Amino acid sequence: MTLDKQCSALGLGVIETYQAKITIGTGTFVDYVTDKRIKPSKETPIFSYPSAIKGKWNIEGSMSGAGSMLKWFKESYIKNKLKQLTF
């Protein structure tokens, strides 16, 4: 288990219930602060981790390949649109 996303939430000050943050890189990770632990889901990749803040939990959901999708969009769509612009 790696906790780099939870550490970044702490560093960003995402420590209060109902606060959230999104990290997009190779995958997309959504971290959400709550007062209660949730049970792991068999259908979706959502997990609970104890927070560094006493009495809080970080709920994390992830999606693989988001960074690849953004790269494809940039290379397929944005580059073509920029070529069409005249200055």
Protein backbone atom coordinates (compact mmCIF):
# COMPACT_ATOMS: atom_id res chain seq x y z
CA MET A 1 0.00 0.00 0.00
CA THR A 2 1.34 3.39 -0.97
CA LEU A 3 0.12 6.52 0.68
CA ASP A 4 1.52 9.21 -1.61
CA LYS A 5 -1.94 10.44 -2.64
CA GLN A 6 -3.04 10.67 1.01
CA CYS A 7 0.17 12.52 1.88
CA SER A 8 -0.47 15.00 -0.93
CA ALA A 9 -4.01 15.56 0.41
CA LEU A 10 -2.51 16.37 3.81
CA GLY A 11 0.04 18.70 2.23
CA LEU A 12 -2.70 20.50 0.28
CA GLY A 13 -4.74 20.96 3.45
CA VAL A 14 -7.49 18.53 2.43
CA ILE A 15 -8.15 17.46 6.01
CA GLU A 16 -11.76 18.37 6.78
CA THR A 17 -14.80 16.17 6.24
CA TYR A 18 -16.26 16.57 2.71
CA GLN A 19 -13.06 18.03 1.26
CA ALA A 20 -11.60 16.27 -1.79
CA LYS A 21 -8.76 16.45 -4.26
CA ILE A 22 -8.05 14.93 -7.66
CA THR A 23 -4.65 13.82 -8.95
CA ILE A 24 -4.23 13.13 -12.67
CA GLY A 25 -1.13 11.37 -13.93
CA THR A 26 -0.77 7.85 -15.25
CA GLY A 27 -4.06 7.24 -13.47
CA THR A 28 -6.67 9.45 -11.89
CA PHE A 29 -7.13 9.36 -8.12
CA VAL A 30 -9.90 11.04 -6.16
CA ASP A 31 -9.34 11.37 -2.42
CA TYR A 32 -12.23 12.36 -0.16
CA VAL A 33 -12.17 13.01 3.59
CA THR A 34 -14.87 11.43 5.75
CA ASP A 35 -15.53 10.61 9.40
CA LYS A 36 -16.19 6.93 8.76
CA ARG A 37 -14.38 4.03 7.15
CA ILE A 38 -16.14 2.39 4.21
CA LYS A 39 -16.00 -1.29 3.31
CA PRO A 40 -13.94 -2.09 0.18
CA SER A 41 -16.08 -2.57 -2.90
CA LYS A 42 -15.78 -5.68 -5.08
CA GLU A 43 -17.14 -3.81 -8.12
CA THR A 44 -15.15 -0.57 -8.02
CA PRO A 45 -11.64 0.35 -6.88
CA ILE A 46 -12.61 2.40 -3.82
CA PHE A 47 -10.68 2.05 -0.57
CA SER A 48 -10.53 3.60 2.91
CA TYR A 49 -7.29 4.62 4.57
CA PRO A 50 -6.91 6.09 8.05
CA SER A 51 -6.00 9.75 7.84
CA ALA A 52 -3.10 11.40 9.62
CA ILE A 53 -5.85 13.50 11.24
CA LYS A 54 -7.33 11.69 14.23
CA GLY A 55 -10.90 10.48 13.60
CA LYS A 56 -10.77 11.04 9.84
CA TRP A 57 -10.60 8.61 6.93
CA ASN A 58 -9.44 9.12 3.35
CA ILE A 59 -11.62 7.40 0.77
CA GLU A 60 -9.79 6.87 -2.51
CA GLY A 61 -11.10 5.89 -5.91
CA SER A 62 -8.91 5.40 -8.95
CA MET A 63 -9.09 4.94 -12.70
CA SER A 64 -6.16 3.63 -14.73
CA GLY A 65 -5.14 5.12 -18.04
CA ALA A 66 -6.42 8.66 -17.53
CA GLY A 67 -3.04 10.18 -18.31
CA SER A 68 -2.86 8.19 -21.55
CA MET A 69 -6.30 9.47 -22.52
CA LEU A 70 -5.26 13.09 -21.93
CA LYS A 71 -2.07 12.56 -23.93
CA TRP A 72 -4.08 11.10 -26.82
CA PHE A 73 -6.49 14.06 -26.68
CA LYS A 74 -3.61 16.54 -26.72
CA GLU A 75 -1.83 14.82 -29.60
CA SER A 76 -4.94 14.04 -31.66
CA TYR A 77 -7.08 17.10 -31.16
CA ILE A 78 -5.18 20.04 -29.70
CA LYS A 79 -2.19 19.82 -32.06
CA ASN A 80 -4.52 19.76 -35.08
CA LYS A 81 -6.48 22.76 -33.79
CA LEU A 82 -3.28 24.74 -33.16
CA LYS A 83 -2.14 24.09 -36.74
CA GLN A 84 -5.42 25.59 -37.99
CA LEU A 85 -4.93 28.85 -36.11
CA THR A 86 -3.47 31.76 -38.03
CA PHE A 87 -1.58 34.49 -36.26
